PDB file of N, CA and C in Angstrom:
ATOM      1  N   UNK A   1      69.744  31.442-199.856  1.00  0.00           N
ATOM      2  CA  UNK A   1      69.253  32.677-199.283  1.00  0.00           C
ATOM      3  C   UNK A   1      68.281  32.397-198.133  1.00  0.00           C
ATOM      4  N   UNK A   2      67.344  31.460-198.357  1.00  0.00           N
ATOM      5  CA  UNK A   2      66.379  31.129-197.296  1.00  0.00           C
ATOM      6  C   UNK A   2      67.077  30.538-196.081  1.00  0.00           C
ATOM      7  N   UNK A   3      68.108  29.738-196.311  1.00  0.00           N
ATOM      8  CA  UNK A   3      68.836  29.132-195.200  1.00  0.00           C
ATOM      9  C   UNK A   3      69.499  30.218-194.365  1.00  0.00           C
ATOM     10  N   UNK A   4      70.098  31.185-195.032  1.00  0.00           N
ATOM     11  CA  UNK A   4      70.722  32.293-194.326  1.00  0.00           C
ATOM     12  C   UNK A   4      69.675  33.088-193.554  1.00  0.00           C
ATOM     13  N   UNK A   5      68.544  33.350-194.170  1.00  0.00           N
ATOM     14  CA  UNK A   5      67.470  34.089-193.523  1.00  0.00           C
ATOM     15  C   UNK A   5      66.949  33.337-192.302  1.00  0.00           C
ATOM     16  N   UNK A   6      66.781  32.038-192.430  1.00  0.00           N
ATOM     17  CA  UNK A   6      66.344  31.213-191.306  1.00  0.00           C
ATOM     18  C   UNK A   6      67.365  31.274-190.180  1.00  0.00           C
ATOM     19  N   UNK A   7      68.631  31.194-190.514  1.00  0.00           N
ATOM     20  CA  UNK A   7      69.686  31.255-189.502  1.00  0.00           C
ATOM     21  C   UNK A   7      69.656  32.591-188.773  1.00  0.00           C
ATOM     22  N   UNK A   8      69.458  33.673-189.515  1.00  0.00           N
ATOM     23  CA  UNK A   8      69.388  35.001-188.901  1.00  0.00           C
ATOM     24  C   UNK A   8      68.189  35.096-187.968  1.00  0.00           C
ATOM     25  N   UNK A   9      67.045  34.611-188.406  1.00  0.00           N
ATOM     26  CA  UNK A   9      65.835  34.657-187.567  1.00  0.00           C
ATOM     27  C   UNK A   9      66.043  33.868-186.281  1.00  0.00           C
ATOM     28  N   UNK A  10      66.549  32.660-186.404  1.00  0.00           N
ATOM     29  CA  UNK A  10      66.765  31.831-185.222  1.00  0.00           C
ATOM     30  C   UNK A  10      67.790  32.461-184.285  1.00  0.00           C
ATOM     31  N   UNK A  11      68.799  33.081-184.860  1.00  0.00           N
ATOM     32  CA  UNK A  11      69.797  33.778-184.041  1.00  0.00           C
ATOM     33  C   UNK A  11      69.166  34.940-183.285  1.00  0.00           C
ATOM     34  N   UNK A  12      68.343  35.710-183.978  1.00  0.00           N
ATOM     35  CA  UNK A  12      67.695  36.849-183.334  1.00  0.00           C
ATOM     36  C   UNK A  12      66.749  36.405-182.219  1.00  0.00           C
ATOM     37  N   UNK A  13      66.048  35.316-182.435  1.00  0.00           N
ATOM     38  CA  UNK A  13      65.163  34.780-181.404  1.00  0.00           C
ATOM     39  C   UNK A  13      65.985  34.361-180.190  1.00  0.00           C
ATOM     40  N   UNK A  14      67.097  33.689-180.435  1.00  0.00           N
ATOM     41  CA  UNK A  14      67.948  33.224-179.335  1.00  0.00           C
ATOM     42  C   UNK A  14      68.557  34.397-178.578  1.00  0.00           C
ATOM     43  N   UNK A  15      69.097  35.370-179.289  1.00  0.00           N
ATOM     44  CA  UNK A  15      69.699  36.536-178.641  1.00  0.00           C
ATOM     45  C   UNK A  15      68.630  37.327-177.901  1.00  0.00           C
ATOM     46  N   UNK A  16      67.485  37.500-178.524  1.00  0.00           N
ATOM     47  CA  UNK A  16      66.398  38.236-177.875  1.00  0.00           C
ATOM     48  C   UNK A  16      65.958  37.584-176.590  1.00  0.00           C
ATOM     49  N   UNK A  17      65.927  36.270-176.575  1.00  0.00           N
ATOM     50  CA  UNK A  17      65.507  35.581-175.360  1.00  0.00           C
ATOM     51  C   UNK A  17      66.555  35.702-174.266  1.00  0.00           C
ATOM     52  N   UNK A  18      67.815  35.761-174.636  1.00  0.00           N
ATOM     53  CA  UNK A  18      68.868  35.934-173.641  1.00  0.00           C
ATOM     54  C   UNK A  18      68.880  37.344-173.060  1.00  0.00           C
ATOM     55  N   UNK A  19      68.589  38.320-173.899  1.00  0.00           N
ATOM     56  CA  UNK A  19      68.617  39.708-173.458  1.00  0.00           C
ATOM     57  C   UNK A  19      67.333  40.148-172.778  1.00  0.00           C
ATOM     58  N   UNK A  20      66.292  39.423-173.023  1.00  0.00           N
ATOM     59  CA  UNK A  20      64.979  39.810-172.503  1.00  0.00           C
ATOM     60  C   UNK A  20      64.912  39.610-171.004  1.00  0.00           C
ATOM     61  N   UNK A  21      64.477  40.656-170.326  1.00  0.00           N
ATOM     62  CA  UNK A  21      64.273  40.571-168.887  1.00  0.00           C
ATOM     63  C   UNK A  21      62.795  40.549-168.561  1.00  0.00           C
ATOM     64  N   UNK A  22      61.971  40.539-169.589  1.00  0.00           N
ATOM     65  CA  UNK A  22      60.536  40.563-169.372  1.00  0.00           C
ATOM     66  C   UNK A  22      60.034  39.210-168.894  1.00  0.00           C
ATOM     67  N   UNK A  23      58.988  39.238-168.143  1.00  0.00           N
ATOM     68  CA  UNK A  23      58.373  38.009-167.661  1.00  0.00           C
ATOM     69  C   UNK A  23      57.654  37.342-168.827  1.00  0.00           C
ATOM     70  N   UNK A  24      57.861  36.043-168.981  1.00  0.00           N
ATOM     71  CA  UNK A  24      57.203  35.327-170.067  1.00  0.00           C
ATOM     72  C   UNK A  24      55.897  34.726-169.569  1.00  0.00           C
ATOM     73  N   UNK A  25      54.993  34.530-170.489  1.00  0.00           N
ATOM     74  CA  UNK A  25      53.686  33.968-170.161  1.00  0.00           C
ATOM     75  C   UNK A  25      53.514  32.633-170.877  1.00  0.00           C
ATOM     76  N   UNK A  26      52.639  31.785-170.337  1.00  0.00           N
ATOM     77  CA  UNK A  26      52.402  30.497-170.976  1.00  0.00           C
ATOM     78  C   UNK A  26      51.047  30.458-171.672  1.00  0.00           C
ATOM     79  N   UNK A  27      50.174  31.429-171.374  1.00  0.00           N
ATOM     80  CA  UNK A  27      48.882  31.522-172.066  1.00  0.00           C
ATOM     81  C   UNK A  27      48.552  32.985-172.321  1.00  0.00           C
ATOM     82  N   UNK A  28      47.690  33.196-173.297  1.00  0.00           N
ATOM     83  CA  UNK A  28      47.162  34.523-173.609  1.00  0.00           C
ATOM     84  C   UNK A  28      45.672  34.342-173.851  1.00  0.00           C
ATOM     85  N   UNK A  29      44.873  35.072-173.113  1.00  0.00           N
ATOM     86  CA  UNK A  29      43.419  34.922-173.164  1.00  0.00           C
ATOM     87  C   UNK A  29      43.019  33.454-172.960  1.00  0.00           C
ATOM     88  N   UNK A  30      43.777  32.776-172.085  1.00  0.00           N
ATOM     89  CA  UNK A  30      43.469  31.393-171.748  1.00  0.00           C
ATOM     90  C   UNK A  30      43.885  30.357-172.775  1.00  0.00           C
ATOM     91  N   UNK A  31      44.572  30.781-173.838  1.00  0.00           N
ATOM     92  CA  UNK A  31      44.971  29.876-174.920  1.00  0.00           C
ATOM     93  C   UNK A  31      46.498  29.748-174.977  1.00  0.00           C
ATOM     94  N   UNK A  32      46.969  28.585-175.394  1.00  0.00           N
ATOM     95  CA  UNK A  32      48.402  28.295-175.478  1.00  0.00           C
ATOM     96  C   UNK A  32      49.047  28.962-176.693  1.00  0.00           C
ATOM     97  N   UNK A  33      50.367  29.000-176.672  1.00  0.00           N
ATOM     98  CA  UNK A  33      51.107  29.551-177.806  1.00  0.00           C
ATOM     99  C   UNK A  33      50.871  28.708-179.065  1.00  0.00           C
ATOM    100  N   UNK A  34      50.700  27.409-178.900  1.00  0.00           N
ATOM    101  CA  UNK A  34      50.427  26.541-180.053  1.00  0.00           C
ATOM    102  C   UNK A  34      49.093  26.908-180.702  1.00  0.00           C
ATOM    103  N   UNK A  35      48.098  27.213-179.880  1.00  0.00           N
ATOM    104  CA  UNK A  35      46.798  27.647-180.400  1.00  0.00           C
ATOM    105  C   UNK A  35      46.980  28.908-181.241  1.00  0.00           C
ATOM    106  N   UNK A  36      47.689  29.890-180.693  1.00  0.00           N
ATOM    107  CA  UNK A  36      47.857  31.166-181.395  1.00  0.00           C
ATOM    108  C   UNK A  36      48.728  31.011-182.644  1.00  0.00           C
ATOM    109  N   UNK A  37      49.719  30.133-182.591  1.00  0.00           N
ATOM    110  CA  UNK A  37      50.556  29.907-183.774  1.00  0.00           C
ATOM    111  C   UNK A  37      49.706  29.371-184.930  1.00  0.00           C
ATOM    112  N   UNK A  38      48.777  28.469-184.622  1.00  0.00           N
ATOM    113  CA  UNK A  38      47.873  27.949-185.657  1.00  0.00           C
ATOM    114  C   UNK A  38      46.945  29.039-186.174  1.00  0.00           C
ATOM    115  N   UNK A  39      46.536  29.955-185.287  1.00  0.00           N
ATOM    116  CA  UNK A  39      45.623  31.037-185.683  1.00  0.00           C
ATOM    117  C   UNK A  39      46.296  32.033-186.626  1.00  0.00           C
ATOM    118  N   UNK A  40      47.604  32.042-186.662  1.00  0.00           N
ATOM    119  CA  UNK A  40      48.308  32.922-187.600  1.00  0.00           C
ATOM    120  C   UNK A  40      47.957  32.580-189.042  1.00  0.00           C
ATOM    121  N   UNK A  41      47.480  31.370-189.267  1.00  0.00           N
ATOM    122  CA  UNK A  41      47.133  30.931-190.626  1.00  0.00           C
ATOM    123  C   UNK A  41      45.624  30.874-190.857  1.00  0.00           C
ATOM    124  N   UNK A  42      44.876  31.486-189.987  1.00  0.00           N
ATOM    125  CA  UNK A  42      43.412  31.487-190.101  1.00  0.00           C
ATOM    126  C   UNK A  42      42.981  32.247-191.351  1.00  0.00           C
ATOM    127  N   UNK A  43      41.853  31.862-191.927  1.00  0.00           N
ATOM    128  CA  UNK A  43      41.337  32.526-193.127  1.00  0.00           C
ATOM    129  C   UNK A  43      40.897  33.964-192.861  1.00  0.00           C
ATOM    130  N   UNK A  44      40.447  34.245-191.661  1.00  0.00           N
ATOM    131  CA  UNK A  44      39.941  35.568-191.293  1.00  0.00           C
ATOM    132  C   UNK A  44      41.104  36.463-190.854  1.00  0.00           C
ATOM    133  N   UNK A  45      41.286  37.592-191.524  1.00  0.00           N
ATOM    134  CA  UNK A  45      42.402  38.490-191.207  1.00  0.00           C
ATOM    135  C   UNK A  45      42.313  39.037-189.782  1.00  0.00           C
ATOM    136  N   UNK A  46      41.110  39.209-189.258  1.00  0.00           N
ATOM    137  CA  UNK A  46      40.967  39.690-187.873  1.00  0.00           C
ATOM    138  C   UNK A  46      41.510  38.662-186.886  1.00  0.00           C
ATOM    139  N   UNK A  47      41.286  37.398-187.184  1.00  0.00           N
ATOM    140  CA  UNK A  47      41.823  36.326-186.334  1.00  0.00           C
ATOM    141  C   UNK A  47      43.348  36.296-186.408  1.00  0.00           C
ATOM    142  N   UNK A  48      43.893  36.511-187.605  1.00  0.00           N
ATOM    143  CA  UNK A  48      45.357  36.556-187.746  1.00  0.00           C
ATOM    144  C   UNK A  48      45.936  37.724-186.967  1.00  0.00           C
ATOM    145  N   UNK A  49      45.269  38.877-187.023  1.00  0.00           N
ATOM    146  CA  UNK A  49      45.742  40.054-186.280  1.00  0.00           C
ATOM    147  C   UNK A  49      45.748  39.787-184.776  1.00  0.00           C
ATOM    148  N   UNK A  50      44.700  39.149-184.272  1.00  0.00           N
ATOM    149  CA  UNK A  50      44.627  38.808-182.856  1.00  0.00           C
ATOM    150  C   UNK A  50      45.747  37.824-182.498  1.00  0.00           C
ATOM    151  N   UNK A  51      46.004  36.881-183.382  1.00  0.00           N
ATOM    152  CA  UNK A  51      47.083  35.925-183.151  1.00  0.00           C
ATOM    153  C   UNK A  51      48.443  36.625-183.138  1.00  0.00           C
ATOM    154  N   UNK A  52      48.627  37.610-183.999  1.00  0.00           N
ATOM    155  CA  UNK A  52      49.875  38.372-184.016  1.00  0.00           C
ATOM    156  C   UNK A  52      50.070  39.087-182.678  1.00  0.00           C
ATOM    157  N   UNK A  53      49.012  39.665-182.171  1.00  0.00           N
ATOM    158  CA  UNK A  53      49.058  40.334-180.872  1.00  0.00           C
ATOM    159  C   UNK A  53      49.462  39.338-179.781  1.00  0.00           C
ATOM    160  N   UNK A  54      48.872  38.163-179.824  1.00  0.00           N
ATOM    161  CA  UNK A  54      49.165  37.130-178.826  1.00  0.00           C
ATOM    162  C   UNK A  54      50.617  36.676-178.921  1.00  0.00           C
ATOM    163  N   UNK A  55      51.101  36.449-180.124  1.00  0.00           N
ATOM    164  CA  UNK A  55      52.466  35.969-180.312  1.00  0.00           C
ATOM    165  C   UNK A  55      53.468  36.961-179.729  1.00  0.00           C
ATOM    166  N   UNK A  56      53.213  38.251-179.889  1.00  0.00           N
ATOM    167  CA  UNK A  56      54.102  39.261-179.307  1.00  0.00           C
ATOM    168  C   UNK A  56      54.151  39.144-177.790  1.00  0.00           C
ATOM    169  N   UNK A  57      53.046  38.820-177.163  1.00  0.00           N
ATOM    170  CA  UNK A  57      52.974  38.711-175.709  1.00  0.00           C
ATOM    171  C   UNK A  57      53.806  37.529-175.214  1.00  0.00           C
ATOM    172  N   UNK A  58      53.868  36.456-175.989  1.00  0.00           N
ATOM    173  CA  UNK A  58      54.588  35.264-175.554  1.00  0.00           C
ATOM    174  C   UNK A  58      56.098  35.456-175.499  1.00  0.00           C
ATOM    175  N   UNK A  59      56.606  36.431-176.228  1.00  0.00           N
ATOM    176  CA  UNK A  59      58.047  36.670-176.195  1.00  0.00           C
ATOM    177  C   UNK A  59      58.831  35.438-176.611  1.00  0.00           C
ATOM    178  N   UNK A  60      59.813  35.066-175.786  1.00  0.00           N
ATOM    179  CA  UNK A  60      60.686  33.940-176.151  1.00  0.00           C
ATOM    180  C   UNK A  60      59.962  32.601-176.161  1.00  0.00           C
ATOM    181  N   UNK A  61      58.773  32.533-175.614  1.00  0.00           N
ATOM    182  CA  UNK A  61      57.993  31.293-175.648  1.00  0.00           C
ATOM    183  C   UNK A  61      57.241  31.111-176.964  1.00  0.00           C
ATOM    184  N   UNK A  62      57.392  32.030-177.894  1.00  0.00           N
ATOM    185  CA  UNK A  62      56.640  31.991-179.155  1.00  0.00           C
ATOM    186  C   UNK A  62      57.309  31.149-180.234  1.00  0.00           C
ATOM    187  N   UNK A  63      58.262  30.326-179.889  1.00  0.00           N
ATOM    188  CA  UNK A  63      58.969  29.539-180.901  1.00  0.00           C
ATOM    189  C   UNK A  63      58.064  28.642-181.745  1.00  0.00           C
ATOM    190  N   UNK A  64      56.907  28.147-181.258  1.00  0.00           N
ATOM    191  CA  UNK A  64      56.042  27.367-182.150  1.00  0.00           C
ATOM    192  C   UNK A  64      55.538  28.166-183.358  1.00  0.00           C
ATOM    193  N   UNK A  65      55.612  29.481-183.297  1.00  0.00           N
ATOM    194  CA  UNK A  65      55.155  30.321-184.412  1.00  0.00           C
ATOM    195  C   UNK A  65      56.224  30.517-185.477  1.00  0.00           C
ATOM    196  N   UNK A  66      57.454  30.128-185.203  1.00  0.00           N
ATOM    197  CA  UNK A  66      58.562  30.389-186.137  1.00  0.00           C
ATOM    198  C   UNK A  66      58.313  29.816-187.534  1.00  0.00           C
ATOM    199  N   UNK A  67      57.828  28.578-187.699  1.00  0.00           N
ATOM    200  CA  UNK A  67      57.593  28.088-189.068  1.00  0.00           C
ATOM    201  C   UNK A  67      56.621  28.956-189.871  1.00  0.00           C
ATOM    202  N   UNK A  68      55.572  29.434-189.232  1.00  0.00           N
ATOM    203  CA  UNK A  68      54.615  30.308-189.920  1.00  0.00           C
ATOM    204  C   UNK A  68      55.289  31.627-190.276  1.00  0.00           C
ATOM    205  N   UNK A  69      56.042  32.181-189.344  1.00  0.00           N
ATOM    206  CA  UNK A  69      56.713  33.460-189.592  1.00  0.00           C
ATOM    207  C   UNK A  69      57.709  33.345-190.739  1.00  0.00           C
ATOM    208  N   UNK A  70      58.375  32.219-190.841  1.00  0.00           N
ATOM    209  CA  UNK A  70      59.306  32.009-191.959  1.00  0.00           C
ATOM    210  C   UNK A  70      58.544  32.009-193.282  1.00  0.00           C
ATOM    211  N   UNK A  71      57.395  31.354-193.318  1.00  0.00           N
ATOM    212  CA  UNK A  71      56.577  31.357-194.546  1.00  0.00           C
ATOM    213  C   UNK A  71      56.095  32.773-194.868  1.00  0.00           C
ATOM    214  N   UNK A  72      55.810  33.549-193.838  1.00  0.00           N
ATOM    215  CA  UNK A  72      55.329  34.917-194.052  1.00  0.00           C
ATOM    216  C   UNK A  72      56.380  35.814-194.699  1.00  0.00           C
ATOM    217  N   UNK A  73      57.633  35.447-194.614  1.00  0.00           N
ATOM    218  CA  UNK A  73      58.673  36.268-195.242  1.00  0.00           C
ATOM    219  C   UNK A  73      58.475  36.361-196.752  1.00  0.00           C
ATOM    220  N   UNK A  74      57.787  35.389-197.334  1.00  0.00           N
ATOM    221  CA  UNK A  74      57.497  35.390-198.772  1.00  0.00           C
ATOM    222  C   UNK A  74      56.052  35.792-199.069  1.00  0.00           C
ATOM    223  N   UNK A  75      55.318  36.233-198.064  1.00  0.00           N
ATOM    224  CA  UNK A  75      53.902  36.567-198.230  1.00  0.00           C
ATOM    225  C   UNK A  75      53.735  37.831-199.060  1.00  0.00           C
ATOM    226  N   UNK A  76      52.644  37.912-199.802  1.00  0.00           N
ATOM    227  CA  UNK A  76      52.353  39.083-200.617  1.00  0.00           C
ATOM    228  C   UNK A  76      51.914  40.289-199.805  1.00  0.00           C
ATOM    229  N   UNK A  77      51.532  40.069-198.557  1.00  0.00           N
ATOM    230  CA  UNK A  77      51.071  41.161-197.697  1.00  0.00           C
ATOM    231  C   UNK A  77      52.248  41.750-196.919  1.00  0.00           C
ATOM    232  N   UNK A  78      52.507  43.018-197.151  1.00  0.00           N
ATOM    233  CA  UNK A  78      53.634  43.672-196.490  1.00  0.00           C
ATOM    234  C   UNK A  78      53.502  43.635-194.966  1.00  0.00           C
ATOM    235  N   UNK A  79      52.297  43.740-194.456  1.00  0.00           N
ATOM    236  CA  UNK A  79      52.068  43.721-192.998  1.00  0.00           C
ATOM    237  C   UNK A  79      52.585  42.419-192.401  1.00  0.00           C
ATOM    238  N   UNK A  80      52.290  41.294-193.048  1.00  0.00           N
ATOM    239  CA  UNK A  80      52.726  39.999-192.524  1.00  0.00           C
ATOM    240  C   UNK A  80      54.237  39.827-192.674  1.00  0.00           C
ATOM    241  N   UNK A  81      54.787  40.274-193.799  1.00  0.00           N
ATOM    242  CA  UNK A  81      56.244  40.194-193.975  1.00  0.00           C
ATOM    243  C   UNK A  81      56.948  41.004-192.903  1.00  0.00           C
ATOM    244  N   UNK A  82      56.452  42.190-192.624  1.00  0.00           N
ATOM    245  CA  UNK A  82      57.057  43.054-191.606  1.00  0.00           C
ATOM    246  C   UNK A  82      56.957  42.424-190.229  1.00  0.00           C
ATOM    247  N   UNK A  83      55.815  41.876-189.893  1.00  0.00           N
ATOM    248  CA  UNK A  83      55.654  41.219-188.596  1.00  0.00           C
ATOM    249  C   UNK A  83      56.616  40.048-188.464  1.00  0.00           C
ATOM    250  N   UNK A  84      56.793  39.305-189.532  1.00  0.00           N
ATOM    251  CA  UNK A  84      57.678  38.130-189.507  1.00  0.00           C
ATOM    252  C   UNK A  84      59.121  38.523-189.223  1.00  0.00           C
ATOM    253  N   UNK A  85      59.488  39.709-189.650  1.00  0.00           N
ATOM    254  CA  UNK A  85      60.871  40.169-189.416  1.00  0.00           C
ATOM    255  C   UNK A  85      61.044  40.580-187.976  1.00  0.00           C
TER     256      UNK A  85
END
């Protein structure tokens, strides 16, 4: 089941990047996508929310966040599960 879910997520990311006509960014608030991907796992929920906002801005460049988003699919918090989808 997880393998299928991972395949669907990766497919959606790939299709979304092909269909996206939006300009992609390499930083948000002066920080890299890798920085924000790590912040998704911060202990402070406000920091995670800010990281979620940043990840959305990166669009197709947000692939470093995919491992965290996959883990969030099993998270007890509905907000994080929904964002991961």
